[in-house]
Amino acid sequence: MKNIGTILAAVFLLCVLLLYMCTFQVRFTQVAIVKTWGKPAKEAITEPGLRFKWPAPIQSVVLYDKRIRTLEDRTEETRTVDGKNVLLTTYTLWRIADPGKFLTNFPDGVGDGENKLRITTMTNKQAVVGQHPFEAFVSTDPHIRKLHEIETEIQTRVAKDVTDDLGIEIVGFGIKKLGLPQSVTSAIFDSMKAREKKKADGYIAEGDARAADIQAKAKATEARILAAADGKVREIEAEAEQRVSEYYKEFNKYPQLRIFLDKLRTVRKALSQRTTLVLDMEKPPFDVFSQETRSKVRPNGTE
């Protein structure tokens, strides 16, 4: 009985070992390449599940993660077309698009592929940055900054170098960090301040010129309005004098009445406020209250 148990256990272990040697599992995040006598298959296995193979050394399996990977470049100084240095840290989003090509180019593993991609990225980054001025990276004017265009240009060039030949797909590219070397930071920002101050002075001068022009136009308009008003005043005064002369002609017929009305107007003006007066009605202009004065202004001695 002991021998039978041992034999069954040995058979079970042998079956497990054979199953382990002749099967492999592909997860939903993986792709697999089966190699037969060291030669990769033409088609990759992309569907998840349990697969069978011949045991080694007849067949072997290489598994790759098909998810998007992130490759961050190291920070380095890169010179622009106008001779200024910028510090750039970039990142590349990539994945294995053609497992067969990738395995052929990098049989030692994914690390070699990442190193090749890093070198390609650095080369194209330096080439693209060297074609743009410093203001395309650092500027107060959003229309001059071209960071997005530069990122797109670098991504296009890297993708062109690696997609067809290496089996790598570039999903995205971006500038993670942008800085300036300490040796040139002060000089660059002083130059930027001087340039912006020059612009500000130009705006102030333009504003002063426009203000002076507006003030001159306002004064000219004011002079025209005052001249027109003065002419109107003289016209009204002339008309008034004409009417007054007509009234005076009537008053000349009754000189005492005119004098009486002038005195009465003076009294009204003097008594326009609340006032207590002790008056001598015999002296003008308060003689308008006396009966004798009133009788003198009655035409033809009427009552």
C-alpha atoms as a PDB file:
ATOM      1  CA  MET A   1       0.000   0.000   0.000  1.00  0.00           C
ATOM      2  CA  LYS A   2       2.830   2.362   0.790  1.00  0.00           C
ATOM      3  CA  ASN A   3       4.404   1.670  -2.592  1.00  0.00           C
ATOM      4  CA  ILE A   4       1.097   2.388  -4.368  1.00  0.00           C
ATOM      5  CA  GLY A   5       0.783   5.745  -2.551  1.00  0.00           C
ATOM      6  CA  THR A   6       4.297   6.683  -3.441  1.00  0.00           C
ATOM      7  CA  ILE A   7       3.741   5.741  -7.054  1.00  0.00           C
ATOM      8  CA  LEU A   8       0.518   7.778  -7.229  1.00  0.00           C
ATOM      9  CA  ALA A   9       2.216  10.769  -5.659  1.00  0.00           C
ATOM     10  CA  ALA A  10       5.096  10.476  -8.112  1.00  0.00           C
ATOM     11  CA  VAL A  11       2.670  10.193 -11.024  1.00  0.00           C
ATOM     12  CA  PHE A  12       0.779  13.251  -9.769  1.00  0.00           C
ATOM     13  CA  LEU A  13       3.936  15.288  -9.422  1.00  0.00           C
ATOM     14  CA  LEU A  14       5.065  14.169 -12.879  1.00  0.00           C
ATOM     15  CA  CYS A  15       1.727  15.272 -14.351  1.00  0.00           C
ATOM     16  CA  VAL A  16       1.984  18.625 -12.607  1.00  0.00           C
ATOM     17  CA  LEU A  17       5.525  19.049 -13.871  1.00  0.00           C
ATOM     18  CA  LEU A  18       4.526  18.118 -17.427  1.00  0.00           C
ATOM     19  CA  LEU A  19       1.551  20.467 -17.223  1.00  0.00           C
ATOM     20  CA  TYR A  20       3.814  23.260 -16.006  1.00  0.00           C
ATOM     21  CA  MET A  21       6.321  22.587 -18.784  1.00  0.00           C
ATOM     22  CA  CYS A  22       3.691  22.354 -21.539  1.00  0.00           C
ATOM     23  CA  THR A  23       1.353  25.203 -20.622  1.00  0.00           C
ATOM     24  CA  PHE A  24       1.549  28.933 -20.036  1.00  0.00           C
ATOM     25  CA  GLN A  25      -0.966  31.591 -19.065  1.00  0.00           C
ATOM     26  CA  VAL A  26      -1.530  34.888 -20.836  1.00  0.00           C
ATOM     27  CA  ARG A  27      -3.167  37.546 -18.676  1.00  0.00           C
ATOM     28  CA  PHE A  28      -5.430  40.220 -20.113  1.00  0.00           C
ATOM     29  CA  THR A  29      -2.637  42.799 -19.610  1.00  0.00           C
ATOM     30  CA  GLN A  30      -0.072  40.717 -21.502  1.00  0.00           C
ATOM     31  CA  VAL A  31       0.945  39.590 -24.976  1.00  0.00           C
ATOM     32  CA  ALA A  32       3.012  36.490 -25.620  1.00  0.00           C
ATOM     33  CA  ILE A  33       5.543  35.405 -28.229  1.00  0.00           C
ATOM     34  CA  VAL A  34       6.251  31.697 -28.615  1.00  0.00           C
ATOM     35  CA  LYS A  35       9.767  30.834 -29.737  1.00  0.00           C
ATOM     36  CA  THR A  36      10.441  27.472 -31.424  1.00  0.00           C
ATOM     37  CA  TRP A  37      14.088  26.450 -31.283  1.00  0.00           C
ATOM     38  CA  GLY A  38      14.824  30.106 -30.505  1.00  0.00           C
ATOM     39  CA  LYS A  39      12.928  31.505 -33.511  1.00  0.00           C
ATOM     40  CA  PRO A  40       9.979  33.829 -32.631  1.00  0.00           C
ATOM     41  CA  ALA A  41       6.572  33.095 -34.082  1.00  0.00           C
ATOM     42  CA  LYS A  42       5.199  35.530 -36.656  1.00  0.00           C
ATOM     43  CA  GLU A  43       2.034  36.215 -34.714  1.00  0.00           C
ATOM     44  CA  ALA A  44       1.807  37.249 -31.091  1.00  0.00           C
ATOM     45  CA  ILE A  45      -0.799  35.857 -28.716  1.00  0.00           C
ATOM     46  CA  THR A  46      -2.951  38.745 -27.526  1.00  0.00           C
ATOM     47  CA  GLU A  47      -6.016  36.971 -26.128  1.00  0.00           C
ATOM     48  CA  PRO A  48      -5.883  35.993 -22.424  1.00  0.00           C
ATOM     49  CA  GLY A  49      -6.158  32.368 -21.370  1.00  0.00           C
ATOM     50  CA  LEU A  50      -4.297  29.079 -20.812  1.00  0.00           C
ATOM     51  CA  ARG A  51      -2.130  27.985 -23.752  1.00  0.00           C
ATOM     52  CA  PHE A  52      -0.159  24.826 -24.604  1.00  0.00           C
ATOM     53  CA  LYS A  53       3.394  24.573 -25.889  1.00  0.00           C
ATOM     54  CA  TRP A  54       6.141  22.047 -26.305  1.00  0.00           C
ATOM     55  CA  PRO A  55       8.462  21.838 -23.330  1.00  0.00           C
ATOM     56  CA  ALA A  56      11.864  23.513 -23.390  1.00  0.00           C
ATOM     57  CA  PRO A  57      14.160  23.572 -25.202  1.00  0.00           C
ATOM     58  CA  ILE A  58      11.736  22.970 -28.085  1.00  0.00           C
ATOM     59  CA  GLN A  59       9.553  25.997 -27.315  1.00  0.00           C
ATOM     60  CA  SER A  60       9.789  28.903 -24.893  1.00  0.00           C
ATOM     61  CA  VAL A  61       7.513  31.872 -24.200  1.00  0.00           C
ATOM     62  CA  VAL A  62       8.283  35.569 -23.815  1.00  0.00           C
ATOM     63  CA  LEU A  63       5.603  37.641 -22.074  1.00  0.00           C
ATOM     64  CA  TYR A  64       5.288  41.419 -22.407  1.00  0.00           C
ATOM     65  CA  ASP A  65       3.078  43.822 -20.513  1.00  0.00           C
ATOM     66  CA  LYS A  66       0.967  45.587 -23.161  1.00  0.00           C
ATOM     67  CA  ARG A  67      -0.080  48.446 -20.915  1.00  0.00           C
ATOM     68  CA  ILE A  68       1.210  51.977 -21.432  1.00  0.00           C
ATOM     69  CA  ARG A  69       4.579  52.614 -19.829  1.00  0.00           C
ATOM     70  CA  THR A  70       6.147  55.890 -18.715  1.00  0.00           C
ATOM     71  CA  LEU A  71       9.765  56.690 -19.476  1.00  0.00           C
ATOM     72  CA  GLU A  72      11.066  59.821 -17.718  1.00  0.00           C
ATOM     73  CA  ASP A  73      14.168  61.406 -19.126  1.00  0.00           C
ATOM     74  CA  ARG A  74      16.844  62.852 -16.870  1.00  0.00           C
ATOM     75  CA  THR A  75      17.145  66.628 -16.517  1.00  0.00           C
ATOM     76  CA  GLU A  76      19.806  68.106 -18.766  1.00  0.00           C
ATOM     77  CA  GLU A  77      20.802  71.440 -20.272  1.00  0.00           C
ATOM     78  CA  THR A  78      19.694  71.943 -23.857  1.00  0.00           C
ATOM     79  CA  ARG A  79      20.756  74.904 -25.998  1.00  0.00           C
ATOM     80  CA  THR A  80      18.227  76.953 -27.965  1.00  0.00           C
ATOM     81  CA  VAL A  81      18.802  78.421 -31.418  1.00  0.00           C
ATOM     82  CA  ASP A  82      19.734  81.826 -29.944  1.00  0.00           C
ATOM     83  CA  GLY A  83      22.450  80.337 -27.708  1.00  0.00           C
ATOM     84  CA  LYS A  84      20.598  80.172 -24.358  1.00  0.00           C
ATOM     85  CA  ASN A  85      20.386  77.049 -22.196  1.00  0.00           C
ATOM     86  CA  VAL A  86      17.219  75.585 -20.705  1.00  0.00           C
ATOM     87  CA  LEU A  87      16.809  72.697 -18.271  1.00  0.00           C
ATOM     88  CA  LEU A  88      14.250  70.193 -19.538  1.00  0.00           C
ATOM     89  CA  THR A  89      12.821  67.084 -17.925  1.00  0.00           C
ATOM     90  CA  THR A  90      10.593  65.154 -20.317  1.00  0.00           C
ATOM     91  CA  TYR A  91       8.411  62.059 -20.148  1.00  0.00           C
ATOM     92  CA  THR A  92       7.406  59.618 -22.862  1.00  0.00           C
ATOM     93  CA  LEU A  93       4.308  57.419 -22.824  1.00  0.00           C
ATOM     94  CA  TRP A  94       4.906  54.242 -24.830  1.00  0.00           C
ATOM     95  CA  ARG A  95       3.895  50.641 -25.245  1.00  0.00           C
ATOM     96  CA  ILE A  96       4.945  47.560 -27.183  1.00  0.00           C
ATOM     97  CA  ALA A  97       2.910  47.668 -30.377  1.00  0.00           C
ATOM     98  CA  ASP A  98       4.651  44.821 -32.281  1.00  0.00           C
ATOM     99  CA  PRO A  99       5.991  42.172 -29.872  1.00  0.00           C
ATOM    100  CA  GLY A 100       7.776  40.313 -32.697  1.00  0.00           C
ATOM    101  CA  LYS A 101       9.831  43.311 -33.794  1.00  0.00           C
ATOM    102  CA  PHE A 102      10.481  44.313 -30.199  1.00  0.00           C
ATOM    103  CA  LEU A 103      11.780  40.845 -29.335  1.00  0.00           C
ATOM    104  CA  THR A 104      13.974  40.762 -32.441  1.00  0.00           C
ATOM    105  CA  ASN A 105      15.533  44.127 -31.592  1.00  0.00           C
ATOM    106  CA  PHE A 106      15.778  43.615 -27.828  1.00  0.00           C
ATOM    107  CA  PRO A 107      16.168  39.918 -27.029  1.00  0.00           C
ATOM    108  CA  ASP A 108      17.687  40.733 -23.642  1.00  0.00           C
ATOM    109  CA  GLY A 109      14.523  42.336 -22.297  1.00  0.00           C
ATOM    110  CA  VAL A 110      12.455  45.471 -21.933  1.00  0.00           C
ATOM    111  CA  GLY A 111      15.314  47.352 -20.270  1.00  0.00           C
ATOM    112  CA  ASP A 112      17.270  47.445 -23.520  1.00  0.00           C
ATOM    113  CA  GLY A 113      14.212  48.825 -25.312  1.00  0.00           C
ATOM    114  CA  GLU A 114      13.837  51.583 -22.711  1.00  0.00           C
ATOM    115  CA  ASN A 115      17.516  52.525 -23.051  1.00  0.00           C
ATOM    116  CA  LYS A 116      17.179  52.739 -26.839  1.00  0.00           C
ATOM    117  CA  LEU A 117      14.034  54.844 -26.504  1.00  0.00           C
ATOM    118  CA  ARG A 118      15.721  57.136 -23.988  1.00  0.00           C
ATOM    119  CA  ILE A 119      18.657  57.763 -26.347  1.00  0.00           C
ATOM    120  CA  THR A 120      16.294  58.399 -29.260  1.00  0.00           C
ATOM    121  CA  THR A 121      14.243  60.815 -27.178  1.00  0.00           C
ATOM    122  CA  MET A 122      17.298  62.759 -25.989  1.00  0.00           C
ATOM    123  CA  THR A 123      18.642  63.059 -29.535  1.00  0.00           C
ATOM    124  CA  ASN A 124      15.392  64.359 -30.991  1.00  0.00           C
ATOM    125  CA  LYS A 125      14.784  66.627 -28.007  1.00  0.00           C
ATOM    126  CA  GLN A 126      18.120  68.359 -28.477  1.00  0.00           C
ATOM    127  CA  ALA A 127      17.528  68.667 -32.223  1.00  0.00           C
ATOM    128  CA  VAL A 128      14.059  70.219 -31.854  1.00  0.00           C
ATOM    129  CA  VAL A 129      14.996  72.548 -28.990  1.00  0.00           C
ATOM    130  CA  GLY A 130      17.971  73.742 -31.018  1.00  0.00           C
ATOM    131  CA  GLN A 131      15.589  74.969 -33.722  1.00  0.00           C
ATOM    132  CA  HIS A 132      13.548  77.242 -31.437  1.00  0.00           C
ATOM    133  CA  PRO A 133      14.405  80.520 -29.664  1.00  0.00           C
ATOM    134  CA  PHE A 134      14.484  80.937 -25.913  1.00  0.00           C
ATOM    135  CA  GLU A 135      11.205  82.909 -25.946  1.00  0.00           C
ATOM    136  CA  ALA A 136       9.393  79.842 -27.247  1.00  0.00           C
ATOM    137  CA  PHE A 137       9.994  78.304 -23.787  1.00  0.00           C
ATOM    138  CA  VAL A 138       9.964  81.316 -21.427  1.00  0.00           C
ATOM    139  CA  SER A 139       7.882  84.377 -22.294  1.00  0.00           C
ATOM    140  CA  THR A 140       5.173  86.535 -20.737  1.00  0.00           C
ATOM    141  CA  ASP A 141       3.348  86.560 -24.072  1.00  0.00           C
ATOM    142  CA  PRO A 142       1.247  83.383 -24.514  1.00  0.00           C
ATOM    143  CA  HIS A 143       1.312  83.858 -28.280  1.00  0.00           C
ATOM    144  CA  ILE A 144       5.117  83.550 -28.320  1.00  0.00           C
ATOM    145  CA  ARG A 145       5.363  80.467 -26.083  1.00  0.00           C
ATOM    146  CA  LYS A 146       5.355  77.299 -28.191  1.00  0.00           C
ATOM    147  CA  LEU A 147       5.655  74.524 -25.583  1.00  0.00           C
ATOM    148  CA  HIS A 148       2.748  72.482 -26.931  1.00  0.00           C
ATOM    149  CA  GLU A 149       4.026  72.733 -30.508  1.00  0.00           C
ATOM    150  CA  ILE A 150       7.530  71.722 -29.377  1.00  0.00           C
ATOM    151  CA  GLU A 151       6.176  68.697 -27.487  1.00  0.00           C
ATOM    152  CA  THR A 152       4.192  67.614 -30.552  1.00  0.00           C
ATOM    153  CA  GLU A 153       7.231  68.018 -32.798  1.00  0.00           C
ATOM    154  CA  ILE A 154       9.467  65.928 -30.541  1.00  0.00           C
ATOM    155  CA  GLN A 155       6.807  63.220 -30.217  1.00  0.00           C
ATOM    156  CA  THR A 156       6.385  63.036 -33.999  1.00  0.00           C
ATOM    157  CA  ARG A 157      10.121  62.667 -34.589  1.00  0.00           C
ATOM    158  CA  VAL A 158      10.585  60.030 -31.874  1.00  0.00           C
ATOM    159  CA  ALA A 159       7.593  58.048 -33.144  1.00  0.00           C
ATOM    160  CA  LYS A 160       9.004  58.110 -36.670  1.00  0.00           C
ATOM    161  CA  ASP A 161      12.309  56.623 -35.432  1.00  0.00           C
ATOM    162  CA  VAL A 162      10.925  53.797 -33.272  1.00  0.00           C
ATOM    163  CA  THR A 163       7.474  52.742 -34.488  1.00  0.00           C
ATOM    164  CA  ASP A 164       8.360  50.984 -37.740  1.00  0.00           C
ATOM    165  CA  ASP A 165      11.788  49.636 -36.814  1.00  0.00           C
ATOM    166  CA  LEU A 166      11.541  48.777 -33.122  1.00  0.00           C
ATOM    167  CA  GLY A 167       7.881  47.805 -32.664  1.00  0.00           C
ATOM    168  CA  ILE A 168       7.289  50.641 -30.141  1.00  0.00           C
ATOM    169  CA  GLU A 169       4.244  52.932 -30.216  1.00  0.00           C
ATOM    170  CA  ILE A 170       4.605  56.452 -28.788  1.00  0.00           C
ATOM    171  CA  VAL A 171       1.331  57.301 -27.083  1.00  0.00           C
ATOM    172  CA  GLY A 172       2.293  60.700 -25.670  1.00  0.00           C
ATOM    173  CA  PHE A 173       5.134  63.049 -24.905  1.00  0.00           C
ATOM    174  CA  GLY A 174       5.437  66.070 -22.648  1.00  0.00           C
ATOM    175  CA  ILE A 175       7.720  68.457 -20.814  1.00  0.00           C
ATOM    176  CA  LYS A 176       7.466  67.633 -17.125  1.00  0.00           C
ATOM    177  CA  LYS A 177       9.784  70.335 -15.818  1.00  0.00           C
ATOM    178  CA  LEU A 178      11.290  73.470 -17.340  1.00  0.00           C
ATOM    179  CA  GLY A 179      14.032  75.404 -15.619  1.00  0.00           C
ATOM    180  CA  LEU A 180      16.986  77.691 -16.191  1.00  0.00           C
ATOM    181  CA  PRO A 181      20.634  77.242 -15.210  1.00  0.00           C
ATOM    182  CA  GLN A 182      21.622  79.356 -12.216  1.00  0.00           C
ATOM    183  CA  SER A 183      24.406  81.014 -14.192  1.00  0.00           C
ATOM    184  CA  VAL A 184      22.042  82.583 -16.729  1.00  0.00           C
ATOM    185  CA  THR A 185      18.829  83.034 -14.751  1.00  0.00           C
ATOM    186  CA  SER A 186      19.572  86.565 -13.505  1.00  0.00           C
ATOM    187  CA  ALA A 187      20.828  87.835 -16.865  1.00  0.00           C
ATOM    188  CA  ILE A 188      17.846  86.419 -18.733  1.00  0.00           C
ATOM    189  CA  PHE A 189      15.285  87.823 -16.356  1.00  0.00           C
ATOM    190  CA  ASP A 190      17.013  91.215 -16.313  1.00  0.00           C
ATOM    191  CA  SER A 191      16.795  91.217 -20.088  1.00  0.00           C
ATOM    192  CA  MET A 192      13.121  90.261 -19.939  1.00  0.00           C
ATOM    193  CA  LYS A 193      12.418  93.014 -17.393  1.00  0.00           C
ATOM    194  CA  ALA A 194      14.186  95.595 -19.555  1.00  0.00           C
ATOM    195  CA  ARG A 195      12.213  94.485 -22.599  1.00  0.00           C
ATOM    196  CA  GLU A 196       8.902  94.601 -20.752  1.00  0.00           C
ATOM    197  CA  LYS A 197       9.789  98.007 -19.260  1.00  0.00           C
ATOM    198  CA  LYS A 198      10.480  99.291 -22.748  1.00  0.00           C
ATOM    199  CA  LYS A 199       7.059  98.081 -23.822  1.00  0.00           C
ATOM    200  CA  ALA A 200       5.468  99.696 -20.760  1.00  0.00           C
ATOM    201  CA  ASP A 201       7.210 103.008 -21.464  1.00  0.00           C
ATOM    202  CA  GLY A 202       5.943 102.845 -25.028  1.00  0.00           C
ATOM    203  CA  TYR A 203       2.390 102.245 -23.802  1.00  0.00           C
ATOM    204  CA  ILE A 204       2.683 105.162 -21.349  1.00  0.00           C
ATOM    205  CA  ALA A 205       4.006 107.499 -24.058  1.00  0.00           C
ATOM    206  CA  GLU A 206       1.219 106.424 -26.388  1.00  0.00           C
ATOM    207  CA  GLY A 207      -1.325 106.989 -23.622  1.00  0.00           C
ATOM    208  CA  ASP A 208       0.061 110.457 -22.862  1.00  0.00           C
ATOM    209  CA  ALA A 209      -0.086 111.384 -26.562  1.00  0.00           C
ATOM    210  CA  ARG A 210      -3.657 110.185 -26.843  1.00  0.00           C
ATOM    211  CA  ALA A 211      -4.589 112.030 -23.633  1.00  0.00           C
ATOM    212  CA  ALA A 212      -3.063 115.273 -24.965  1.00  0.00           C
ATOM    213  CA  ASP A 213      -4.944 114.828 -28.237  1.00  0.00           C
ATOM    214  CA  ILE A 214      -8.216 114.232 -26.391  1.00  0.00           C
ATOM    215  CA  GLN A 215      -7.632 117.289 -24.172  1.00  0.00           C
ATOM    216  CA  ALA A 216      -6.849 119.476 -27.198  1.00  0.00           C
ATOM    217  CA  LYS A 217     -10.019 118.315 -28.939  1.00  0.00           C
ATOM    218  CA  ALA A 218     -12.016 118.922 -25.751  1.00  0.00           C
ATOM    219  CA  LYS A 219     -10.640 122.446 -25.408  1.00  0.00           C
ATOM    220  CA  ALA A 220     -11.423 123.193 -29.047  1.00  0.00           C
ATOM    221  CA  THR A 221     -14.958 121.897 -28.573  1.00  0.00           C
ATOM    222  CA  GLU A 222     -15.273 123.939 -25.375  1.00  0.00           C
ATOM    223  CA  ALA A 223     -14.143 127.091 -27.219  1.00  0.00           C
ATOM    224  CA  ARG A 224     -16.678 126.500 -29.984  1.00  0.00           C
ATOM    225  CA  ILE A 225     -19.479 125.929 -27.494  1.00  0.00           C
ATOM    226  CA  LEU A 226     -18.542 129.035 -25.469  1.00  0.00           C
ATOM    227  CA  ALA A 227     -18.331 131.119 -28.639  1.00  0.00           C
ATOM    228  CA  ALA A 228     -21.747 129.891 -29.746  1.00  0.00           C
ATOM    229  CA  ALA A 229     -23.161 130.537 -26.258  1.00  0.00           C
ATOM    230  CA  ASP A 230     -21.607 134.015 -26.160  1.00  0.00           C
ATOM    231  CA  GLY A 231     -23.140 134.803 -29.543  1.00  0.00           C
ATOM    232  CA  LYS A 232     -26.518 133.579 -28.304  1.00  0.00           C
ATOM    233  CA  VAL A 233     -26.182 135.682 -25.155  1.00  0.00           C
ATOM    234  CA  ARG A 234     -25.431 138.783 -27.202  1.00  0.00           C
ATOM    235  CA  GLU A 235     -28.379 138.028 -29.423  1.00  0.00           C
ATOM    236  CA  ILE A 236     -30.688 137.664 -26.403  1.00  0.00           C
ATOM    237  CA  GLU A 237     -29.297 140.812 -24.821  1.00  0.00           C
ATOM    238  CA  ALA A 238     -29.884 142.750 -28.042  1.00  0.00           C
ATOM    239  CA  GLU A 239     -33.434 141.457 -28.203  1.00  0.00           C
ATOM    240  CA  ALA A 240     -33.965 142.326 -24.546  1.00  0.00           C
ATOM    241  CA  GLU A 241     -32.597 145.820 -25.014  1.00  0.00           C
ATOM    242  CA  GLN A 242     -34.925 146.288 -27.951  1.00  0.00           C
ATOM    243  CA  ARG A 243     -37.907 145.256 -25.869  1.00  0.00           C
ATOM    244  CA  VAL A 244     -36.774 147.390 -22.950  1.00  0.00           C
ATOM    245  CA  SER A 245     -36.476 150.371 -25.242  1.00  0.00           C
ATOM    246  CA  GLU A 246     -40.072 149.765 -26.294  1.00  0.00           C
ATOM    247  CA  TYR A 247     -41.126 149.628 -22.647  1.00  0.00           C
ATOM    248  CA  TYR A 248     -39.176 152.783 -21.895  1.00  0.00           C
ATOM    249  CA  LYS A 249     -41.076 154.535 -24.640  1.00  0.00           C
ATOM    250  CA  GLU A 250     -44.285 153.703 -22.799  1.00  0.00           C
ATOM    251  CA  PHE A 251     -42.775 154.680 -19.456  1.00  0.00           C
ATOM    252  CA  ASN A 252     -41.720 158.031 -20.859  1.00  0.00           C
ATOM    253  CA  LYS A 253     -45.389 158.883 -21.100  1.00  0.00           C
ATOM    254  CA  TYR A 254     -45.676 158.340 -17.338  1.00  0.00           C
ATOM    255  CA  PRO A 255     -42.305 159.159 -15.773  1.00  0.00           C
ATOM    256  CA  GLN A 256     -43.692 159.176 -12.263  1.00  0.00           C
ATOM    257  CA  LEU A 257     -45.045 155.634 -12.736  1.00  0.00           C
ATOM    258  CA  ARG A 258     -41.644 154.382 -13.844  1.00  0.00           C
ATOM    259  CA  ILE A 259     -39.964 155.950 -10.816  1.00  0.00           C
ATOM    260  CA  PHE A 260     -42.646 154.484  -8.570  1.00  0.00           C
ATOM    261  CA  LEU A 261     -42.140 150.957  -9.981  1.00  0.00           C
ATOM    262  CA  ASP A 262     -38.385 151.248  -9.541  1.00  0.00           C
ATOM    263  CA  LYS A 263     -38.875 152.235  -5.925  1.00  0.00           C
ATOM    264  CA  LEU A 264     -41.366 149.435  -5.390  1.00  0.00           C
ATOM    265  CA  ARG A 265     -38.890 146.901  -6.852  1.00  0.00           C
ATOM    266  CA  THR A 266     -36.220 148.159  -4.478  1.00  0.00           C
ATOM    267  CA  VAL A 267     -38.558 147.801  -1.502  1.00  0.00           C
ATOM    268  CA  ARG A 268     -39.495 144.249  -2.460  1.00  0.00           C
ATOM    269  CA  LYS A 269     -35.840 143.339  -2.701  1.00  0.00           C
ATOM    270  CA  ALA A 270     -35.077 144.883   0.679  1.00  0.00           C
ATOM    271  CA  LEU A 271     -37.999 143.086   2.329  1.00  0.00           C
ATOM    272  CA  SER A 272     -37.439 139.711   0.658  1.00  0.00           C
ATOM    273  CA  GLN A 273     -36.137 138.364   3.968  1.00  0.00           C
ATOM    274  CA  ARG A 274     -37.937 138.411   7.279  1.00  0.00           C
ATOM    275  CA  THR A 275     -37.144 141.957   8.492  1.00  0.00           C
ATOM    276  CA  THR A 276     -38.457 144.551  10.893  1.00  0.00           C
ATOM    277  CA  LEU A 277     -37.928 148.151   9.712  1.00  0.00           C
ATOM    278  CA  VAL A 278     -38.699 151.592  11.044  1.00  0.00           C
ATOM    279  CA  LEU A 279     -39.240 153.698   7.923  1.00  0.00           C
ATOM    280  CA  ASP A 280     -39.601 157.304   7.037  1.00  0.00           C
ATOM    281  CA  MET A 281     -42.306 157.296   4.379  1.00  0.00           C
ATOM    282  CA  GLU A 282     -41.326 160.756   3.293  1.00  0.00           C
ATOM    283  CA  LYS A 283     -37.976 159.541   1.877  1.00  0.00           C
ATOM    284  CA  PRO A 284     -37.514 157.320  -1.159  1.00  0.00           C
ATOM    285  CA  PRO A 285     -37.880 154.549  -1.822  1.00  0.00           C
ATOM    286  CA  PHE A 286     -40.229 154.052   1.100  1.00  0.00           C
ATOM    287  CA  ASP A 287     -42.327 157.045   0.153  1.00  0.00           C
ATOM    288  CA  VAL A 288     -44.250 154.587  -2.069  1.00  0.00           C
ATOM    289  CA  PHE A 289     -46.360 153.904   1.003  1.00  0.00           C
ATOM    290  CA  SER A 290     -47.456 157.538   1.370  1.00  0.00           C
ATOM    291  CA  GLN A 291     -50.724 158.670  -0.090  1.00  0.00           C
ATOM    292  CA  GLU A 292     -49.123 161.743  -1.610  1.00  0.00           C
ATOM    293  CA  THR A 293     -46.686 159.693  -3.677  1.00  0.00           C
ATOM    294  CA  ARG A 294     -49.416 157.359  -4.831  1.00  0.00           C
ATOM    295  CA  SER A 295     -51.554 160.289  -5.980  1.00  0.00           C
ATOM    296  CA  LYS A 296     -48.712 161.590  -8.163  1.00  0.00           C
ATOM    297  CA  VAL A 297     -48.526 158.432 -10.252  1.00  0.00           C
ATOM    298  CA  ARG A 298     -52.244 158.215 -10.976  1.00  0.00           C
ATOM    299  CA  PRO A 299     -52.840 159.120 -14.613  1.00  0.00           C
ATOM    300  CA  ASN A 300     -54.997 162.181 -15.096  1.00  0.00           C
ATOM    301  CA  GLY A 301     -55.523 162.421 -11.332  1.00  0.00           C
ATOM    302  CA  THR A 302     -57.749 159.256 -11.202  1.00  0.00           C
ATOM    303  CA  GLU A 303     -58.461 157.569  -7.875  1.00  0.00           C
END
